[in-house]
Amino acid sequence: MLLKDLTGEQVLAAAEGETEIAGLCADSRAVSGNQLFAALKGARVDGTSFIGDACEAGAGAILVGSDVPYEALETVGGRCPVIVSDDPRRTLALMAARFYQRQPESIVAVTGTSGKTSVAVFVRQILAAAGHAAASLGTIGTVTSHGAQYGSLTTPDPISLHETLAQLADDGITHAALEASSHGLDQRRLDGVRIRAAAFTNLGRDHLDYHPDVEHYLAAKLRLFDTLLEPGGAVVLEPSAPYADRVAACAAEHGHPVFTVGEGGKDIALLDIRHDGFVQVLTLETAEGTREVRLPLAGRFQVSNALIAAGLAIAAGVPTSQALDALEHLEGAPGRLELVGQTSGGAMVFVDYAHKPDALDTALAALRPFASGRLLVVFGAGGDRDAGKRPLMGAAAARQADLVIVTDDNPRSEDPEAIRAAILEAAPEAVEIGDRKAAIEAAVDMLQPGDVLCIAGKGHEPGQIVGDRVLPFSDHEVARAALAQNETVDDDLFLSEMVDAMLAGRGGGSGSGALELLEDLDAPEAQEASDTATTPPVQDASDASEAAMESEEGADDLLDVAQDDGLFADEAGLAETQAPDSLSEPEPEPEPEPEPEPEPEPEPEPEPEPEPEPEPEPEPEPEPEPVLEEVEEPEVVPAADSAQVEATADHADEALADDLPAHEEAAPEVSVPEEVAPEVIEEASAEARDETHPAAEAEDEVTEDVAAVAPITAPEEAEVEPLEPRPLWWLREMIEATGGRCVGIPAAEIDGTEIGGISIDSRTLEPGDAFVAILGDRFDGHDFVAAALAAGAAVAIVAEDRLGDLAPDGRYLVVADPLEALRDLGRAARARSHARIVAVTGSVGKTSTKDMLALALAPSGQTHAAVSSFNNHWGVPLTLARMPVEARYGIFEIGMNHAGEITPLVQMVRPHVAIITTVQPVHLEFFGSLERIAQAKAEIFTGIEPGGLALLNDDNSQFDLLTFLAKTAGVRRIATFGREGQADAQALMVKAKTGCTSISARIFDRDITYKVGAPGTHLVTNSLAVLAAVAELGGDLALAGLELANFRAPKGRGAQVQLRLAEGRATLIDESYNANPASMRAALNLLGETPISRPGRRIAVLGDMLELGKAERAMHADLLAPLEASGVDLVYCVGTRIHALWDVLPKPMRGAYSEDAASLRPLLLEDVRPGDVIMIKGSLGTRMGPLVEALRREFPVEDDGAE
């Protein structure tokens, strides 16, 4: 090609213009005769330093920037023309376009911080499905149906790019999708490409080592739309994406039509997402109508990527219906949480691309559920890169993994030992093995059955950059070789096969191992080397690695070691070791100690047995120790919106504090007038329920995980004979249920002896009750048998081996184990009952949900519910044993603090509806991860009656995992509740008021407006589950909604009252029951949300948080941020530990400080003014309760009815 044709508008002398140019080159070492040499300034070297070398090699022309000094050109010596450009990089790109000329007919490009690789790969797949010969170019190279050529940069250099485009066109490729990185756009690598449509995924704070700030970062992205996109070319984006509005404005300014997809989109609108195993079922609306698409990719981010890809394909000429059809067949990618092998013992080895803190954290969280044993990780950090990320990566690994090995990962010019030391600062327990090969081999050698190993940092990359050399290195190859050396490797076992194996009960984990494939992760996805290669439909947990923020130019770090002439080091500047011509610019918390246990009442109820832990204090917050529950009041703590921190515990204990009730009230049996009570619903077969509930599919059908649920109207009832009045139990029934024998009761009296109730507390026993002498940790019920009989017990259920210690004239039912006898009674009560049963579990919110259910179902029939938080190994059977035969609804709370505890309880209860309120880090010390907590909570699915319904929180991060576990447990019907997404029971409007919350919701197919008579966003969410359960059970939804207005927060856990002052009113929020950092933030959030009348003040009266160990000072001081965020005006502090907060409080916020509550009392009472909102909270040991009582005594309390 003549130089004049190559330069376009460049002004050349006539003779120079006739120079024949044989090629383009930016590497002086590769220059050959008559090639144009682009002498560009790189990150570390200046290409103009090698002009003389290029001329000596026979360069036909030289391209330089206008800022090059004349002296640098003296070496040319007139041997060839010199072209001077104000923007030499752009000039080179346009020259490359003219030189190679040919490009695929239709090219689209995508930019954004994350998702570029996914979108480009998906576009190629969609185009191919539509019958086009297509290719994708980017992080993983150039991929076509003919194979792949590895490419080292997200956006290749302009010469390579245009050469590749020409080759593609010659090979018959008509359509192509390009990744456009900010580096590539800024360095003009895509200039000259004829781009028909362009897409934007999102923008985050990334690559600020290259871009001065986010605005410059965005400006680089916008070049795709304001400079490179052809006139009239479409811009595809999701309006809800960060900075999408700026891109849309840019498009409008330059006359580009905007094609919107996803949330808020108009061209492909996303109406709904629901889950069917690993498939996401999308409801989409286009100009052609509404349809469903089954997307075989996990994660909400993949929905966005897929819809953007579909938009680009449509802009490239693919019909809408074909583009959406193709979404159902999209495939994942290697190098992103890719399973490369496993040991014969079931330990699995994954290779992942994660090389930033968020990505590593997310990848390990995704793998945790696969590990029935330990989670191991091998990783390092790159040299000559952001040093600040190194301790953050170490912290993420230490937090997530059980065993951490720190090694080298592209140390470049830095000292590898110094890099590892920076990581180890945050992971002091980690093992340090600098040699990456040795580290991987050591990790594989450590694997035990059930373990999972993640080798993070490289993913698909085939090299290790050490100094200025790129050494061939593959994590895949090293891991497979290590596995082969130790055990047999199954290289063909990809993730989908592994999950199938788990579902079949084989492989390295349980069926619950499928897991965090369902996490909402985001990352660049590599594609299989060939379209003909198959990628498992479930993906290798692909894309999890770069979840939170894909490293946009991550692949630019590695040079293509297979091509010596392709060394464009976008960030490293490594190509110039010998002749440095460059085209590019650089680019656990401490375990808490138990508080002293309060003095028990003379005869507390038997307490739960939480292993050999110290006796816990009555702490309702989600503390690590088993928490004691208040027996007379339901448990509710208004929670922070996201955390849903409710003052609750999984295991009730009845050893209570001095100022709390120490005994249990009789179980309330709530009944309503007969005219509002619907029929008794008979326990039916699965087939009958399927007929009654249209959504319960026949057993031989393949069903979706999330199905439509029962209609609101009550199901058609079975004929049930009216029950004659009868006692709770006949003694004869108890003998038959327990297999015991009577002592001291004449045989003639056995058949006629009525049992009016079941008690395990002689102090609250009513005459005619049966007393069960349970053995507890500290007390033995046999010591109180005499008192129970004296109080009128009809019989005492006692142990055979204790009979000799008891009075000979007593009335006894003798059994081997009274606790097991209680369980037998519970099972017998469930077997004889026709009641419809609801079981509730969750990390928090169980008791409040149970109490709301009791209120909501009461108008529809006699309702039996657990007292307080009777949710453990004795509370659940006791509640069952107390359930009357005539009860129409039964409500049970099921708790745990160790795996395996829910299973036996739920198999006794056998619910028709099972609710999991939420999964949060409560009892984390027993599990190690949220995913393991979710697996333990999911045990509730094992007891659901055939055809029963699982109700899951759609807003919870563990929703996808719980859905999977429900299906593997055989649950055929799943419904959702939530406030954020599109749930079956969905909040449409929420308005907080004084002492209550008004809600408009859609419960399946019916709209309802109702009120919850206590504040707290978690109560809103759980009330949706309550109403969904009412609807499922055939209760009266309208009456249920009305009843929820009567719900009240209990004493010490968010109860609000109005204090009558001489000149007005003040609001008191009683959060005095207990405190930890999470619940303290939740209470402050509630204080901030509580309406206030100025000049009233928001006043926080805070006591010590106990059981925090060495971090207690920091955790107390950290309360300043939520105090300020909640708009608190004044803070009172009580205790020695809280002084750390007092020290950092701004002086205007300081009320008063005292080491004890008693001393603070007069100061607080004197300071209360009309309009104030006062919240009191602290651990029980700080005794904040008396401050509450002092305020209530000083200022008369008004009716606390909710407005």
Foldseek 3Di string as FASTA:
>chain_A
DFQCLLQPPFDDDPVQRRQDADEEAAFLVPAAARHEHEQDQAAPGTSLQCPLSNVVRHHQEYEYEPPDDPVSCVSNVPSHYYTYYPQRLQSVLQSLCSVLVAAAQAEEEEEEQFLRQVLQQLLQLLCVLLPAFEWEAALQAIFTQVFGDGDLWRQAASNVVSNVRSVCVVVRHRYGYGYQYLQCLVLNSCNSPAHQAYEYEAYDFDQCVPPVGRVSSVVSVLCVQQPRHDAQHEYEYAVVGYCVVVSVVSNVVRRYHYQYDYDVGAAWYFDAWDAFFQWIWTWTQHPVGIDIATALAAAPSVVRSLRSSLVSSVSRPRDNVSSRNSRNVDFFFFLALWFQWAFPLQETEGEHAFAFLVLLLLSLQFQVLQFPDWEEEEEFHAAPDDLVRQCSNLLSCQQRGPAYEYEDAQPAQDDRVVRSVSNCVNVVVYHYDHPRLVSLLVVLVPDDQRYYYYYYRARPDQFHHDHLDTHGHDPSVSNCVSSVVVHDTDRPCTLVNQLVQQLVPDHRDHNLSNGSLNFNFTENTHHPRHPVDHHDSNHSSGRSSCGPTYRSGSSLCHADPVDLSRDANQANQSNPPPPRRHSHYHTDFDFFDADDEADFDPDFFFFDPPDPHPDHHQWQWLHLDAHAFQFAAFWAFFADQQFRTTRHGQTHTQRYHPVGDRYHAPFDWFADDPVLADDQAFDDALVVVCVQWVFLDDPPDDFGLATFTGFQFATDGDDDDDDDDAALDQQVVLCVLQVWDKALDDPVCRRVQGARAEEQTLVNDAARHEHQQADHPVDTNVVCPVSNVVRHHSEYEEEPVCVVVDDRNGIYGYHNHSLVSLLSLLLVLLVLARAAEEEEEESDDQRVLQVLLCLLQRSHGTETEFGHQLAFSRSLSNSSNGDGRRGHYYYHYHGDLAAPGRQVSLLSRQHLEYEYLAQHCRSCVRQSHSSRSLVRSLSNLLRHHNSGEYEYEPSYSCRSSSSSSNVSSPNRHYFYFYDPGDGQWYWPDWDDAAQKIWTWIHNRPDIDIAIARGDHSSSVRSVSVSLNVCSNNNHDSHSSRHSNLVDAHDALRFGKWWFADPVAIEIETRVAAADDLRSVLSLLQVLLSYDFDPVAFEEEEEEQHRRRPPCLLVSLLVVQVSNVVSRHQEYEYEADSNVSNVVPDDPRRYQYYYPAPVVCQVSVLVPDDHRYYYYYYHHVVRPRVVSVVSSCVVTPTDDRRGD
